[in-house]
């Protein structure tokens, strides 16, 4: 995220589509047999508010609920985490809101304690559990945060943290590989130390998730962290289970990396993997990442914080990953200004503009829910 501060501008309602955008894309498009950017261009979303009663803004992580987890959650609910508080201070948001049929439910699904503020893009569903990362910002510094495990009532079961600031140090992105009903692998990218870890874990019992081992499978990703103004590092993750490859969107490097044998690496690694997409013409700070399992293509959303190009604002890029450079397929601009793709830097009033294949969020409105319904209906 290049900026965590909201300023005025056209068409948008806040500084905050960036993290939310691809969370919803990943949740929705992975359910579809076929999904293309061209489909999105013909559809018009309806905005809804993501601001809860305490005024939190800057929606980052999104989970489109699958299955029937029970508790307070229903199938197809949109759970959305907020990174900033009502004063628009970066890394201080504490709420996860639940959007059902385009309406925000009250109260929020979850409100973190102040010590675990700054709810991030690292947000995922695991059956009837929900894992949310946080990067708590205090002035010009940030704590390591944690992965908090919630049940379907929004109650805390446990927190996965690391006092050494190794495998949990500003969890920025999250992907999950379910091995069985009782064993999983959690892939976590860390903003503050520029690493990616695989956390092997068991599922069940009173804590929901219990870590059994931690392996650093990627390291050396570039970072640019200047709290409370900006933060960029290894971000979106996409796991290809069929080929055991973890893809990593590295914002500052402006490249997409692939970590081979991600689920089986047995010793700590010191490198980032291999570059599978390098494209300075079309990449401008890749952040969100989505794998199309049907054809192996990837989508990434540019935040325009790196290598910005006013002629290519807020682009969603589809590409084929391959060493050394990969190949460009197509792209779609979701906003006429830079920074509207995975981060919306502008405006405090008005309506959010059309976003890509699953919606664009802003400070007070989010163009997701109805668009998701149309997309599912159109493409299913």
Protein backbone atom coordinates (compact mmCIF):
# COMPACT_ATOMS: atom_id res chain seq x y z
CA UNK A 1 0.00 0.00 0.00
CA UNK A 2 1.60 3.22 -1.13
CA UNK A 3 -0.58 5.46 0.95
CA UNK A 4 -2.88 5.01 3.86
CA UNK A 5 -4.27 8.53 3.81
CA UNK A 6 -7.56 9.59 2.25
CA UNK A 7 -7.63 12.70 0.05
CA UNK A 8 -10.25 14.23 -2.22
CA UNK A 9 -10.89 13.20 -5.79
CA UNK A 10 -13.59 12.21 -8.31
CA UNK A 11 -15.68 9.04 -8.41
CA UNK A 12 -14.35 7.57 -5.21
CA UNK A 13 -15.28 7.44 -1.56
CA UNK A 14 -11.99 6.75 0.12
CA UNK A 15 -8.43 5.60 0.05
CA UNK A 16 -9.25 2.01 0.36
CA UNK A 17 -10.14 -0.31 -2.46
CA UNK A 18 -6.71 -1.81 -2.74
CA UNK A 19 -6.68 -4.68 -0.28
CA UNK A 20 -10.37 -5.40 -0.54
CA UNK A 21 -10.53 -5.66 -4.28
CA UNK A 22 -8.57 -8.81 -4.82
CA UNK A 23 -9.71 -10.53 -1.69
CA UNK A 24 -13.19 -10.58 -3.13
CA UNK A 25 -11.92 -11.47 -6.58
CA UNK A 26 -10.12 -14.48 -5.24
CA UNK A 27 -13.11 -15.59 -3.21
CA UNK A 28 -15.55 -15.23 -6.08
CA UNK A 29 -13.69 -16.13 -9.23
CA UNK A 30 -12.26 -19.33 -7.86
CA UNK A 31 -15.85 -20.56 -7.71
CA UNK A 32 -16.47 -19.98 -11.40
CA UNK A 33 -15.86 -22.48 -14.22
CA UNK A 34 -14.81 -19.64 -16.54
CA UNK A 35 -14.15 -16.01 -15.73
CA UNK A 36 -12.66 -13.30 -17.93
CA UNK A 37 -12.06 -9.62 -17.48
CA UNK A 38 -14.24 -8.86 -20.48
CA UNK A 39 -17.23 -10.19 -18.57
CA UNK A 40 -16.70 -7.63 -15.84
CA UNK A 41 -16.70 -4.73 -18.26
CA UNK A 42 -20.33 -5.32 -19.17
CA UNK A 43 -21.62 -5.42 -15.59
CA UNK A 44 -22.51 -2.58 -13.26
CA UNK A 45 -22.11 -3.06 -9.51
CA UNK A 46 -24.17 -1.53 -6.75
CA UNK A 47 -22.19 0.06 -3.89
CA UNK A 48 -22.77 -0.65 -0.23
CA UNK A 49 -21.26 0.71 2.93
CA UNK A 50 -18.33 -1.01 4.63
CA UNK A 51 -18.08 1.58 7.42
CA UNK A 52 -19.34 0.22 10.76
CA UNK A 53 -20.77 2.28 13.61
CA UNK A 54 -17.31 3.06 15.02
CA UNK A 55 -16.33 4.69 11.71
CA UNK A 56 -13.51 2.33 10.68
CA UNK A 57 -12.41 2.78 7.06
CA UNK A 58 -9.95 1.32 4.56
CA UNK A 59 -11.37 -2.17 3.82
CA UNK A 60 -8.55 -4.63 3.16
CA UNK A 61 -9.29 -8.32 3.47
CA UNK A 62 -12.41 -10.01 2.12
CA UNK A 63 -13.87 -13.47 2.54
CA UNK A 64 -16.82 -14.59 0.44
CA UNK A 65 -18.25 -17.27 2.71
CA UNK A 66 -18.57 -20.76 1.28
CA UNK A 67 -20.43 -23.71 2.76
CA UNK A 68 -22.50 -23.31 5.89
CA UNK A 69 -20.20 -22.38 8.77
CA UNK A 70 -23.09 -21.73 11.16
CA UNK A 71 -23.00 -19.22 13.99
CA UNK A 72 -23.67 -15.69 12.79
CA UNK A 73 -22.48 -16.41 9.26
CA UNK A 74 -24.42 -17.59 6.23
CA UNK A 75 -23.39 -18.84 2.82
CA UNK A 76 -22.35 -16.02 0.44
CA UNK A 77 -21.91 -13.43 3.19
CA UNK A 78 -19.07 -10.99 2.50
CA UNK A 79 -16.79 -10.50 5.49
CA UNK A 80 -14.62 -7.40 5.16
CA UNK A 81 -11.79 -6.25 7.42
CA UNK A 82 -10.96 -2.57 8.00
CA UNK A 83 -7.34 -1.41 8.29
CA UNK A 84 -7.85 2.22 9.40
CA UNK A 85 -9.89 3.80 12.19
CA UNK A 86 -12.45 6.59 11.91
CA UNK A 87 -9.65 9.15 11.94
CA UNK A 88 -8.18 7.48 8.83
CA UNK A 89 -5.05 6.49 10.75
CA UNK A 90 -3.23 3.63 9.07
CA UNK A 91 -3.07 0.29 10.89
CA UNK A 92 -5.63 1.15 13.56
CA UNK A 93 -8.88 -0.35 12.20
CA UNK A 94 -10.40 -3.08 14.37
CA UNK A 95 -13.58 -4.34 12.70
CA UNK A 96 -14.76 -7.09 10.38
CA UNK A 97 -18.14 -6.24 8.92
CA UNK A 98 -20.63 -8.74 7.49
CA UNK A 99 -22.44 -7.79 4.29
CA UNK A 100 -25.49 -9.92 3.48
CA UNK A 101 -27.56 -9.30 0.35
CA UNK A 102 -26.00 -5.87 0.01
CA UNK A 103 -26.77 -4.80 3.58
CA UNK A 104 -24.26 -4.41 6.39
CA UNK A 105 -25.28 -6.34 9.49
CA UNK A 106 -25.09 -4.73 12.93
CA UNK A 107 -23.03 -5.11 15.04
CA UNK A 108 -19.78 -6.03 13.22
CA UNK A 109 -18.92 -9.70 13.03
CA UNK A 110 -15.72 -9.02 15.00
CA UNK A 111 -14.14 -6.09 16.80
CA UNK A 112 -10.51 -6.54 17.81
CA UNK A 113 -8.99 -5.20 20.98
CA UNK A 114 -6.72 -2.16 20.51
CA UNK A 115 -3.63 -4.38 20.84
CA UNK A 116 -4.67 -6.30 17.71
CA UNK A 117 -5.73 -3.39 15.52
CA UNK A 118 -4.79 -2.91 11.88
CA UNK A 119 -6.71 -5.81 10.31
CA UNK A 120 -4.96 -6.69 7.08
CA UNK A 121 -5.35 -8.45 3.74
CA UNK A 122 -4.36 -11.73 5.42
CA UNK A 123 -7.92 -12.99 5.80
CA UNK A 124 -9.28 -16.43 4.93
CA UNK A 125 -11.97 -18.98 5.73
CA UNK A 126 -11.11 -22.46 6.95
CA UNK A 127 -14.35 -24.41 7.19
CA UNK A 128 -16.24 -22.86 10.10
CA UNK A 129 -13.18 -20.88 11.20
CA UNK A 130 -11.87 -17.52 10.03
CA UNK A 131 -8.24 -16.38 10.20
CA UNK A 132 -7.42 -12.67 10.20
CA UNK A 133 -4.00 -11.05 10.29
CA UNK A 134 -3.17 -7.67 11.73
CA UNK A 135 -0.37 -5.11 11.46
CA UNK A 136 -0.80 -2.72 14.40
CA UNK A 137 0.68 0.70 13.67
CA UNK A 138 1.70 3.02 16.49
CA UNK A 139 3.07 6.30 15.20
CA UNK A 140 5.99 5.53 12.90
CA UNK A 141 6.39 1.90 13.94
CA UNK A 142 4.37 -1.29 13.77
CA UNK A 143 4.21 -4.41 15.89
CA UNK A 144 4.48 -7.96 14.53
CA UNK A 145 0.77 -8.59 14.86
CA UNK A 146 -0.71 -12.08 14.74
CA UNK A 147 -3.09 -14.41 12.96
CA UNK A 148 -6.26 -14.50 15.04
CA UNK A 149 -8.49 -17.57 14.75
CA UNK A 150 -12.22 -16.83 15.05
CA UNK A 151 -15.19 -19.14 15.18
CA UNK A 152 -18.37 -18.46 13.22
CA UNK A 153 -19.75 -16.36 16.06
CA UNK A 154 -16.77 -13.99 15.82
CA UNK A 155 -15.30 -15.24 19.09
CA UNK A 156 -11.52 -15.58 19.48
CA UNK A 157 -10.29 -19.17 19.76
CA UNK A 158 -6.57 -18.46 19.69
CA UNK A 159 -3.92 -16.15 18.29
CA UNK A 160 -0.98 -17.43 16.29
CA UNK A 161 2.00 -15.19 16.93
CA UNK A 162 5.77 -15.25 17.14
CA UNK A 163 7.66 -13.21 19.74
CA UNK A 164 10.81 -13.75 17.68
CA UNK A 165 9.21 -11.81 14.79
CA UNK A 166 10.13 -14.53 12.34
CA UNK A 167 7.17 -16.48 10.91
CA UNK A 168 4.66 -13.82 11.99
CA UNK A 169 5.93 -10.27 11.47
CA UNK A 170 3.23 -8.12 9.97
CA UNK A 171 1.05 -10.74 8.19
CA UNK A 172 0.16 -9.12 4.88
CA UNK A 173 -1.13 -12.00 2.75
CA UNK A 174 -2.56 -15.46 3.44
CA UNK A 175 -3.31 -18.63 1.47
CA UNK A 176 -4.46 -21.97 2.82
CA UNK A 177 -3.89 -25.51 1.55
CA UNK A 178 -6.28 -27.99 3.15
CA UNK A 179 -4.64 -31.41 3.33
CA UNK A 180 -7.35 -33.23 5.30
CA UNK A 181 -10.13 -32.56 7.77
CA UNK A 182 -7.52 -32.18 10.50
CA UNK A 183 -4.36 -30.88 8.79
CA UNK A 184 -3.67 -27.72 6.83
CA UNK A 185 -0.84 -25.56 5.56
CA UNK A 186 -1.01 -21.80 6.08
CA UNK A 187 1.10 -19.67 3.75
CA UNK A 188 1.81 -16.21 5.17
CA UNK A 189 3.63 -13.23 3.66
CA UNK A 190 5.18 -10.83 6.17
CA UNK A 191 5.36 -7.14 5.44
CA UNK A 192 7.87 -6.21 8.14
CA UNK A 193 10.62 -8.77 7.49
CA UNK A 194 10.02 -9.50 3.80
CA UNK A 195 9.51 -13.25 4.15
CA UNK A 196 6.99 -15.95 3.26
CA UNK A 197 6.43 -18.88 5.62
CA UNK A 198 4.55 -22.16 5.53
CA UNK A 199 2.90 -22.92 8.84
CA UNK A 200 1.88 -26.56 9.18
CA UNK A 201 -1.05 -26.98 11.53
CA UNK A 202 -3.75 -29.21 12.86
CA UNK A 203 -7.42 -28.22 12.94
CA UNK A 204 -9.79 -28.95 15.82
CA UNK A 205 -10.08 -28.69 19.56
CA UNK A 206 -10.72 -25.60 21.62
CA UNK A 207 -8.11 -23.47 19.82
CA UNK A 208 -9.34 -24.29 16.32
CA UNK A 209 -5.84 -24.21 14.81
CA UNK A 210 -2.60 -25.45 16.40
CA UNK A 211 0.77 -24.91 14.75
CA UNK A 212 3.02 -27.96 14.47
CA UNK A 213 5.95 -26.54 12.47
CA UNK A 214 7.10 -23.39 10.69
CA UNK A 215 9.26 -23.26 7.55
CA UNK A 216 10.54 -20.16 5.78
CA UNK A 217 9.96 -20.91 2.11
CA UNK A 218 10.69 -17.44 0.73
CA UNK A 219 12.88 -14.50 1.78
CA UNK A 220 14.57 -11.40 0.44
CA UNK A 221 11.51 -9.63 -0.94
CA UNK A 222 11.99 -5.88 -1.10
CA UNK A 223 10.12 -3.68 1.37
CA UNK A 224 9.30 0.00 1.66
CA UNK A 225 7.67 0.76 4.99
CA UNK A 226 7.10 4.32 6.13
CA UNK A 227 4.36 4.29 8.75
CA UNK A 228 1.87 5.85 9.01
CA UNK A 229 2.08 7.00 5.37
CA UNK A 230 2.82 3.90 3.31
CA UNK A 231 3.69 0.23 3.40
CA UNK A 232 4.75 -2.10 0.59
CA UNK A 233 6.25 -5.58 0.64
CA UNK A 234 5.42 -9.19 -0.24
CA UNK A 235 1.65 -9.19 -0.44
CA UNK A 236 -0.88 -11.37 -2.27
CA UNK A 237 -0.42 -15.14 -2.34
CA UNK A 238 -1.97 -17.74 -4.65
CA UNK A 239 -1.39 -21.46 -4.15
CA UNK A 240 -1.52 -23.89 -7.07
CA UNK A 241 -2.24 -27.17 -5.33
CA UNK A 242 -2.07 -29.24 -8.50
CA UNK A 243 1.57 -28.27 -9.05
CA UNK A 244 2.57 -27.39 -5.47
CA UNK A 245 3.55 -23.84 -6.43
CA UNK A 246 3.01 -20.74 -4.31
CA UNK A 247 2.87 -17.49 -6.26
CA UNK A 248 3.90 -14.28 -4.50
CA UNK A 249 3.06 -10.74 -5.58
CA UNK A 250 5.96 -8.54 -4.50
CA UNK A 251 4.96 -4.89 -4.61
CA UNK A 252 8.34 -3.18 -4.37
CA UNK A 253 10.14 -5.69 -6.60
CA UNK A 254 7.33 -5.14 -9.13
CA UNK A 255 7.45 -8.83 -9.99
CA UNK A 256 5.57 -12.06 -9.42
CA UNK A 257 7.58 -14.92 -7.92
CA UNK A 258 6.93 -18.65 -7.82
CA UNK A 259 8.05 -20.92 -5.00
CA UNK A 260 8.26 -24.51 -6.26
CA UNK A 261 7.44 -27.43 -3.95
CA UNK A 262 5.97 -24.93 -1.51
CA UNK A 263 4.08 -27.58 0.40
CA UNK A 264 7.11 -29.85 0.78
CA UNK A 265 10.14 -27.62 1.40
CA UNK A 266 11.73 -28.96 4.57
CA UNK A 267 14.40 -26.36 5.42
CA UNK A 268 14.44 -22.58 5.69
CA UNK A 269 15.16 -20.83 2.41
CA UNK A 270 17.05 -17.58 1.84
CA UNK A 271 15.76 -16.68 -1.63
CA UNK A 272 12.40 -15.50 -3.01
CA UNK A 273 11.86 -18.23 -5.57
CA UNK A 274 11.99 -17.57 -9.30
CA UNK A 275 10.48 -14.68 -11.22
CA UNK A 276 7.59 -15.83 -13.40
CA UNK A 277 6.28 -12.44 -14.46
CA UNK A 278 8.40 -9.37 -15.08
CA UNK A 279 6.72 -6.64 -17.08
CA UNK A 280 7.51 -2.99 -16.41
CA UNK A 281 5.02 -1.93 -19.05
CA UNK A 282 2.02 -3.49 -17.28
CA UNK A 283 3.10 -4.00 -13.66
CA UNK A 284 2.81 -1.04 -11.30
CA UNK A 285 3.14 -2.47 -7.80
CA UNK A 286 1.35 -5.85 -8.00
CA UNK A 287 -0.53 -6.55 -4.79
CA UNK A 288 -3.56 -8.82 -5.06
CA UNK A 289 -3.12 -12.18 -6.74
CA UNK A 290 -5.61 -14.69 -8.10
CA UNK A 291 -5.02 -18.04 -9.79
CA UNK A 292 -7.38 -19.39 -12.45
CA UNK A 293 -7.05 -23.10 -11.81
CA UNK A 294 -8.72 -23.92 -15.14
CA UNK A 295 -5.91 -22.57 -17.31
CA UNK A 296 -3.12 -21.60 -14.92
CA UNK A 297 -3.37 -17.90 -15.69
CA UNK A 298 -2.98 -15.35 -12.91
CA UNK A 299 -4.58 -11.99 -12.27
CA UNK A 300 -2.78 -9.29 -10.35
CA UNK A 301 -4.02 -5.88 -9.31
CA UNK A 302 -1.64 -2.94 -9.48
CA UNK A 303 -1.63 -0.42 -6.64
CA UNK A 304 0.30 2.16 -8.71
CA UNK A 305 2.66 2.79 -5.80
CA UNK A 306 5.57 1.45 -7.85
CA UNK A 307 6.41 2.29 -11.47
CA UNK A 308 3.23 4.35 -11.82
CA UNK A 309 2.03 5.22 -15.32
CA UNK A 310 -0.77 7.81 -15.68
CA UNK A 311 -1.59 6.30 -19.07
CA UNK A 312 -2.33 2.93 -17.43
CA UNK A 313 -4.19 3.72 -14.23
CA UNK A 314 -5.53 1.12 -11.82
CA UNK A 315 -5.01 -1.89 -14.04
CA UNK A 316 -5.98 -5.50 -13.40
CA UNK A 317 -3.50 -7.61 -15.36
CA UNK A 318 -3.99 -11.15 -16.61
CA UNK A 319 -0.80 -13.06 -17.45
CA UNK A 320 0.68 -16.50 -17.97
CA UNK A 321 3.39 -17.27 -15.41
CA UNK A 322 6.61 -18.67 -16.84
CA UNK A 323 10.31 -18.16 -16.21
CA UNK A 324 11.96 -15.77 -16.87
CA UNK A 325 9.36 -13.16 -17.79
CA UNK A 326 5.96 -14.78 -18.33
CA UNK A 327 3.57 -13.41 -20.93
CA UNK A 328 0.96 -10.70 -20.84
CA UNK A 329 -2.62 -11.62 -21.80
CA UNK A 330 -4.81 -8.59 -21.18
CA UNK A 331 -5.57 -5.84 -18.71
CA UNK A 332 -8.53 -3.82 -17.53
CA UNK A 333 -8.49 -0.38 -15.90
CA UNK A 334 -10.94 -0.02 -13.02
CA UNK A 335 -10.50 3.72 -12.50
CA UNK A 336 -9.32 6.67 -14.62
CA UNK A 337 -6.85 7.71 -11.93
CA UNK A 338 -3.85 5.90 -10.52
CA UNK A 339 -4.28 4.00 -7.29
CA UNK A 340 -7.94 3.01 -7.69
CA UNK A 341 -7.28 -0.65 -8.25
CA UNK A 342 -6.15 -2.01 -4.93
CA UNK A 343 -5.98 1.24 -3.12
CA UNK A 344 -8.26 4.22 -3.59
CA UNK A 345 -6.40 7.28 -2.41
CA UNK A 346 -9.06 9.86 -3.09
CA UNK A 347 -12.34 11.37 -1.96
CA UNK A 348 -14.32 11.38 1.22
CA UNK A 349 -17.75 11.67 -0.39
CA UNK A 350 -19.52 10.33 -3.44
CA UNK A 351 -19.82 6.84 -4.90
CA UNK A 352 -17.14 4.34 -5.69
CA UNK A 353 -16.51 3.66 -9.35
CA UNK A 354 -16.86 0.38 -11.19
CA UNK A 355 -14.16 -2.10 -10.32
CA UNK A 356 -12.81 -5.17 -12.02
CA UNK A 357 -14.03 -8.70 -11.83
CA UNK A 358 -15.43 -8.39 -8.34
CA UNK A 359 -15.74 -4.80 -7.21
CA UNK A 360 -14.04 -1.67 -6.02
CA UNK A 361 -14.27 -0.40 -2.47
CA UNK A 362 -13.91 3.03 -1.02
CA UNK A 363 -14.11 4.73 2.34
CA UNK A 364 -17.89 4.60 2.66
CA UNK A 365 -19.13 2.38 -0.14
CA UNK A 366 -18.08 -0.82 -1.79
CA UNK A 367 -19.01 -1.91 -5.33
CA UNK A 368 -18.96 -5.61 -4.62
CA UNK A 369 -22.02 -7.49 -3.46
CA UNK A 370 -24.49 -7.04 -6.30
CA UNK A 371 -21.70 -7.32 -8.83
CA UNK A 372 -20.71 -10.64 -7.35
CA UNK A 373 -24.28 -11.88 -7.67
CA UNK A 374 -24.42 -10.87 -11.31
CA UNK A 375 -21.02 -12.37 -12.03
CA UNK A 376 -21.95 -15.68 -10.46
CA UNK A 377 -25.23 -15.76 -12.32
CA UNK A 378 -23.63 -14.84 -15.63
CA UNK A 379 -20.66 -17.17 -15.49
CA UNK A 380 -21.94 -20.20 -13.61
